[in-house]
Amino acid sequence: MTIQLIGYPISTCTLRVVATLKELGVSYEITPPSDFSELKTPEYLATKHPFGKIPVLIDDGFKIYESRAIIRYLVNKYQGKKNSTVLIPSDVQKAGLVEQFISVEISYYDEAVHKLVAQEVFTKFHGKTPDPEIVKEARVEIGKVLDVYEKLLEGKDYLTGEFSLADISHYPYTYYSFSSGHGDLWEKRPNVARWWKNISEREIWKGIVAELNQK
């Protein structure tokens, strides 16, 4: 039975799941809600996501929501089944580092970069004008986070040393930051720039970006 992914293809959290599915070689069908109002209907809240969000993944009758929970589930069930890609190593210490950097992404990276993308991408998507002061504040916050990343990535091509689920978790908001003209924040930091180049040039991600650019 094909996995059903409920979400919008351009959604940051949906993209996180799509990248994981493709890296693992798992087939799926994406089903966008008819519109945003559907997410707040009693049926959606009762049967899909109790907080009215996306994405939601349904796998052979099993339902799971929240993108980072979904991608962990996918790795736990499908890693090694369709291809040899390893996103969470079996070694307990290496796996711990993957979880550590996913936590770092949620707690520090996402908070800062989300503020920028919300203004430069989603505000414009809804036909409104970004607030330049919020954009300015976000750039300062991102710079502080990336200064720490620059140290964390010293001598490493990926966050844990090898490509992992932690790197995938950083894809969506970083991509939208670059596409909205703020890539300089990453590019002027050599270690961060190398890391982003390494993960963004993976064939899977390049294919996803190509599909986004066609929409």
Protein backbone atom coordinates (compact mmCIF):
# COMPACT_ATOMS: atom_id res chain seq x y z
CA MET A 1 0.00 0.00 0.00
CA THR A 2 1.44 3.37 -1.03
CA ILE A 3 2.16 5.86 1.71
CA GLN A 4 -0.14 8.88 1.70
CA LEU A 5 1.37 12.22 2.64
CA ILE A 6 -1.09 15.01 3.36
CA GLY A 7 0.49 18.39 2.84
CA TYR A 8 1.35 21.14 0.39
CA PRO A 9 4.44 20.43 -1.74
CA ILE A 10 5.87 23.91 -1.00
CA SER A 11 5.39 23.61 2.76
CA THR A 12 8.62 23.58 4.75
CA CYS A 13 7.56 20.74 7.03
CA THR A 14 6.17 18.73 4.12
CA LEU A 15 9.46 19.18 2.28
CA ARG A 16 11.32 17.72 5.24
CA VAL A 17 9.26 14.55 4.92
CA VAL A 18 9.48 14.41 1.13
CA ALA A 19 13.29 14.63 1.27
CA THR A 20 13.41 11.76 3.77
CA LEU A 21 11.06 9.57 1.72
CA LYS A 22 13.11 10.13 -1.42
CA GLU A 23 16.45 9.52 0.33
CA LEU A 24 15.09 6.21 1.65
CA GLY A 25 13.68 5.29 -1.77
CA VAL A 26 10.14 4.94 -0.43
CA SER A 27 7.23 5.58 -2.81
CA TYR A 28 4.41 7.87 -1.72
CA GLU A 29 1.47 9.93 -2.93
CA ILE A 30 1.06 13.52 -1.80
CA THR A 31 -2.46 14.79 -1.17
CA PRO A 32 -2.78 18.55 -0.65
CA PRO A 33 -5.74 19.78 1.42
CA SER A 34 -8.33 21.54 -0.75
CA ASP A 35 -7.49 24.84 0.97
CA PHE A 36 -6.26 26.14 4.32
CA SER A 37 -9.79 26.20 5.74
CA GLU A 38 -9.94 22.40 5.48
CA LEU A 39 -7.26 22.16 8.16
CA LYS A 40 -9.66 23.67 10.71
CA THR A 41 -12.69 21.52 9.94
CA PRO A 42 -13.96 19.21 12.70
CA GLU A 43 -13.28 16.18 10.48
CA TYR A 44 -9.65 17.14 9.82
CA LEU A 45 -9.02 17.95 13.47
CA ALA A 46 -10.57 14.66 14.55
CA THR A 47 -9.03 12.35 11.95
CA LYS A 48 -5.78 13.97 10.76
CA HIS A 49 -4.07 16.54 13.01
CA PRO A 50 -5.65 17.81 16.24
CA PHE A 51 -3.92 21.19 15.87
CA GLY A 52 -4.93 21.66 12.25
CA LYS A 53 -1.47 21.44 10.74
CA ILE A 54 0.41 19.60 8.00
CA PRO A 55 1.98 17.25 7.15
CA VAL A 56 0.24 14.03 8.14
CA LEU A 57 1.53 10.65 6.98
CA ILE A 58 -0.65 7.55 6.64
CA ASP A 59 1.20 4.27 6.18
CA ASP A 60 -0.91 1.14 5.78
CA GLY A 61 -3.53 2.48 8.16
CA PHE A 62 -1.03 3.94 10.64
CA LYS A 63 -1.28 7.73 11.01
CA ILE A 64 1.46 10.00 12.33
CA TYR A 65 1.81 13.78 12.34
CA GLU A 66 4.57 16.33 13.11
CA SER A 67 7.33 16.32 10.50
CA ARG A 68 10.27 15.40 12.71
CA ALA A 69 8.34 12.55 14.30
CA ILE A 70 7.37 11.40 10.80
CA ILE A 71 10.94 11.36 9.49
CA ARG A 72 12.17 9.42 12.50
CA TYR A 73 9.38 6.90 11.98
CA LEU A 74 10.30 6.52 8.32
CA VAL A 75 13.93 5.85 9.15
CA ASN A 76 13.03 3.35 11.86
CA LYS A 77 10.74 1.43 9.50
CA TYR A 78 12.32 1.78 6.06
CA GLN A 79 16.04 2.44 6.41
CA GLY A 80 17.92 -0.31 4.58
CA LYS A 81 14.79 -1.73 2.97
CA LYS A 82 14.85 0.08 -0.40
CA ASN A 83 18.48 1.23 -0.67
CA SER A 84 21.67 1.49 1.35
CA THR A 85 21.21 5.11 2.50
CA VAL A 86 21.81 5.51 6.24
CA LEU A 87 20.16 8.51 7.89
CA ILE A 88 20.42 7.35 11.52
CA PRO A 89 23.39 5.05 12.20
CA SER A 90 22.95 1.89 14.23
CA ASP A 91 25.83 2.92 16.51
CA VAL A 92 24.19 4.38 19.60
CA GLN A 93 26.64 7.26 19.99
CA LYS A 94 26.41 8.28 16.33
CA ALA A 95 22.63 8.04 16.52
CA GLY A 96 22.74 10.23 19.61
CA LEU A 97 24.59 12.91 17.66
CA VAL A 98 21.94 12.86 14.95
CA GLU A 99 19.27 13.41 17.60
CA GLN A 100 21.39 16.12 19.19
CA PHE A 101 21.58 18.13 15.98
CA ILE A 102 17.90 17.67 15.22
CA SER A 103 17.26 19.13 18.66
CA VAL A 104 19.67 21.98 17.91
CA GLU A 105 17.80 22.67 14.67
CA ILE A 106 14.44 22.81 16.47
CA SER A 107 15.65 24.90 19.41
CA TYR A 108 17.99 27.42 17.80
CA TYR A 109 18.22 27.26 14.00
CA ASP A 110 14.52 26.93 13.16
CA GLU A 111 13.45 29.70 15.50
CA ALA A 112 15.70 32.27 13.86
CA VAL A 113 15.37 31.20 10.22
CA HIS A 114 11.59 30.74 10.47
CA LYS A 115 11.20 34.41 11.35
CA LEU A 116 13.00 35.42 8.16
CA VAL A 117 11.17 32.97 5.88
CA ALA A 118 7.79 33.86 7.37
CA GLN A 119 8.35 37.44 6.25
CA GLU A 120 10.15 36.98 2.95
CA VAL A 121 8.22 33.99 1.63
CA PHE A 122 4.93 33.34 3.40
CA THR A 123 3.95 36.97 3.96
CA LYS A 124 4.47 37.61 0.24
CA PHE A 125 2.62 34.38 -0.58
CA HIS A 126 -0.45 35.83 1.14
CA GLY A 127 -0.11 39.08 -0.82
CA LYS A 128 1.24 41.16 2.05
CA THR A 129 4.42 43.21 2.44
CA PRO A 130 7.26 41.94 4.65
CA ASP A 131 8.17 44.03 7.68
CA PRO A 132 11.75 45.25 7.08
CA GLU A 133 12.40 45.57 10.81
CA ILE A 134 11.50 41.94 11.45
CA VAL A 135 13.66 40.88 8.49
CA LYS A 136 16.56 42.89 9.93
CA GLU A 137 16.09 41.35 13.38
CA ALA A 138 15.90 37.87 11.88
CA ARG A 139 19.15 38.36 9.97
CA VAL A 140 20.92 39.35 13.18
CA GLU A 141 19.52 36.31 15.01
CA ILE A 142 20.45 33.97 12.17
CA GLY A 143 23.97 35.40 12.12
CA LYS A 144 24.42 34.57 15.79
CA VAL A 145 23.20 31.01 15.27
CA LEU A 146 25.39 30.52 12.21
CA ASP A 147 28.43 31.76 14.14
CA VAL A 148 27.92 28.77 16.45
CA TYR A 149 27.37 26.46 13.47
CA GLU A 150 30.59 27.73 11.95
CA LYS A 151 32.43 26.38 15.01
CA LEU A 152 30.40 23.15 15.13
CA LEU A 153 31.22 22.43 11.48
CA GLU A 154 34.96 22.97 11.82
CA GLY A 155 36.65 20.13 9.93
CA LYS A 156 33.33 18.47 9.08
CA ASP A 157 31.35 18.19 5.85
CA TYR A 158 28.11 17.39 7.69
CA LEU A 159 26.74 18.11 11.15
CA THR A 160 27.62 14.69 12.58
CA GLY A 161 30.50 14.08 10.15
CA GLU A 162 28.30 12.03 7.79
CA PHE A 163 25.11 12.98 5.96
CA SER A 164 22.16 12.22 8.21
CA LEU A 165 18.59 12.99 9.14
CA ALA A 166 19.89 16.03 11.01
CA ASP A 167 21.08 17.60 7.75
CA ILE A 168 17.75 16.83 6.05
CA SER A 169 15.92 18.60 8.84
CA HIS A 170 17.73 21.83 7.91
CA TYR A 171 16.80 21.75 4.22
CA PRO A 172 13.49 23.63 3.91
CA TYR A 173 14.06 26.90 5.75
CA THR A 174 17.63 27.21 4.48
CA TYR A 175 16.46 26.72 0.91
CA TYR A 176 13.81 29.42 1.27
CA SER A 177 16.33 31.76 2.87
CA PHE A 178 18.59 31.40 -0.16
CA SER A 179 15.75 31.70 -2.67
CA SER A 180 14.59 34.94 -1.01
CA GLY A 181 18.03 36.53 -1.31
CA HIS A 182 19.59 35.94 2.10
CA GLY A 183 22.12 33.26 1.20
CA ASP A 184 24.94 35.67 2.04
CA LEU A 185 24.47 34.83 5.71
CA TRP A 186 25.56 31.25 4.99
CA GLU A 187 28.04 31.92 2.21
CA LYS A 188 30.25 34.31 4.19
CA ARG A 189 30.95 31.62 6.76
CA PRO A 190 33.29 29.06 5.12
CA ASN A 191 32.36 25.99 7.17
CA VAL A 192 28.65 26.71 6.97
CA ALA A 193 28.93 27.42 3.24
CA ARG A 194 30.72 24.10 2.66
CA TRP A 195 28.09 22.23 4.64
CA TRP A 196 25.21 23.77 2.71
CA LYS A 197 26.94 23.13 -0.61
CA ASN A 198 27.42 19.48 0.33
CA ILE A 199 23.81 18.83 1.29
CA SER A 200 22.11 21.07 -1.29
CA GLU A 201 23.98 19.43 -4.16
CA ARG A 202 22.73 15.94 -3.37
CA GLU A 203 20.80 14.65 -6.37
CA ILE A 204 17.69 13.98 -4.30
CA TRP A 205 17.47 17.57 -3.08
CA LYS A 206 18.32 19.01 -6.50
CA GLY A 207 15.42 17.01 -7.92
CA ILE A 208 13.06 18.35 -5.26
CA VAL A 209 14.13 21.93 -5.97
CA ALA A 210 13.63 21.39 -9.70
CA GLU A 211 10.07 20.23 -9.01
CA LEU A 212 9.43 23.27 -6.78
CA ASN A 213 10.64 25.62 -9.49
CA GLN A 214 8.12 24.13 -11.90
CA LYS A 215 5.16 24.95 -9.66
